[in-house]
Amino acid sequence: MQVTLDPEYEKFVREQLASGQYESPEAVMREALEALRRMKEREAEWIREQLRPAIDDFREGRTRPFDIERIKKMVAERLEPESQKPVS
């Protein structure tokens, strides 16, 4: 597989090679990809942890009706600029 890097990333790879930590551009890319893989795995685990209580609630029947209109209203209120919100 051939990969073309932006000049910024090419410079970074060259700097890493010059530091003596890596013997080849492939070694730099391999470590970068491994770091990306670990990050994605942590993200997926975090999402599973966040969803687990909701899934458990659903399985146990602890749910409430889905009200799309209420959700749309909440989102619109959060997105409304401060200057347009009523003063209390």
Protein backbone atom coordinates (compact mmCIF):
# COMPACT_ATOMS: atom_id res chain seq x y z
CA MET A 1 0.00 0.00 0.00
CA GLN A 2 1.30 3.43 -0.92
CA VAL A 3 0.43 6.36 1.32
CA THR A 4 0.97 10.02 0.50
CA LEU A 5 1.47 12.29 3.49
CA ASP A 6 0.91 16.00 3.73
CA PRO A 7 4.16 17.96 4.04
CA GLU A 8 3.48 18.58 7.73
CA TYR A 9 3.33 14.83 8.43
CA GLU A 10 6.31 14.07 6.20
CA LYS A 11 8.32 16.56 8.25
CA PHE A 12 7.17 14.92 11.47
CA VAL A 13 8.20 11.47 10.20
CA ARG A 14 11.62 12.84 9.18
CA GLU A 15 12.02 14.41 12.64
CA GLN A 16 11.20 11.11 14.30
CA LEU A 17 13.75 9.32 12.12
CA ALA A 18 16.37 11.97 12.90
CA SER A 19 15.77 11.49 16.63
CA GLY A 20 17.09 7.94 16.26
CA GLN A 21 14.03 6.37 17.86
CA TYR A 22 12.92 4.73 14.63
CA GLU A 23 14.83 2.94 11.91
CA SER A 24 12.36 3.53 9.08
CA PRO A 25 9.30 5.54 8.06
CA GLU A 26 7.35 2.28 8.31
CA ALA A 27 8.29 1.96 11.99
CA VAL A 28 7.00 5.49 12.65
CA MET A 29 3.75 4.74 10.85
CA ARG A 30 3.37 1.38 12.59
CA GLU A 31 3.60 3.02 16.03
CA ALA A 32 1.25 5.83 14.99
CA LEU A 33 -1.32 3.33 13.73
CA GLU A 34 -0.99 1.23 16.88
CA ALA A 35 -1.64 4.36 18.97
CA LEU A 36 -4.69 5.15 16.83
CA ARG A 37 -5.97 1.58 17.24
CA ARG A 38 -5.61 1.79 21.05
CA MET A 39 -7.38 5.17 21.09
CA LYS A 40 -10.29 3.80 19.03
CA GLU A 41 -10.56 0.78 21.34
CA ARG A 42 -10.71 3.09 24.39
CA GLU A 43 -13.38 5.20 22.68
CA ALA A 44 -15.46 2.11 21.90
CA GLU A 45 -15.15 0.89 25.49
CA TRP A 46 -16.17 4.32 26.83
CA ILE A 47 -19.25 4.29 24.57
CA ARG A 48 -20.15 0.78 25.76
CA GLU A 49 -19.77 1.92 29.39
CA GLN A 50 -21.99 4.94 28.75
CA LEU A 51 -24.65 2.84 27.04
CA ARG A 52 -24.58 -0.08 29.47
CA PRO A 53 -26.97 1.51 32.03
CA ALA A 54 -29.46 2.39 29.28
CA ILE A 55 -29.29 -1.11 27.83
CA ASP A 56 -29.78 -2.62 31.28
CA ASP A 57 -32.76 -0.33 31.89
CA PHE A 58 -34.27 -1.36 28.56
CA ARG A 59 -33.78 -5.06 29.27
CA GLU A 60 -35.36 -4.65 32.74
CA GLY A 61 -38.33 -2.72 31.34
CA ARG A 62 -37.32 0.55 33.00
CA THR A 63 -38.08 2.74 30.01
CA ARG A 64 -40.36 5.62 29.13
CA PRO A 65 -42.04 6.59 25.87
CA PHE A 66 -39.89 8.36 23.30
CA ASP A 67 -41.19 11.89 22.70
CA ILE A 68 -39.50 13.30 19.60
CA GLU A 69 -41.30 16.63 19.85
CA ARG A 70 -40.00 17.17 23.40
CA ILE A 71 -36.49 16.33 22.25
CA LYS A 72 -36.72 18.71 19.27
CA LYS A 73 -37.86 21.48 21.62
CA MET A 74 -34.98 20.84 24.04
CA VAL A 75 -32.44 20.90 21.21
CA ALA A 76 -33.91 24.09 19.72
CA GLU A 77 -33.79 25.79 23.12
CA ARG A 78 -30.14 24.83 23.59
CA LEU A 79 -29.23 26.06 20.13
CA GLU A 80 -31.12 29.34 20.44
CA PRO A 81 -28.70 32.30 20.68
CA GLU A 82 -28.54 34.01 24.07
CA SER A 83 -29.77 37.27 22.53
CA GLN A 84 -33.05 35.61 21.50
CA LYS A 85 -33.80 33.87 24.80
CA PRO A 86 -36.48 35.48 26.97
CA VAL A 87 -35.19 37.40 29.97
CA SER A 88 -36.48 36.00 33.27
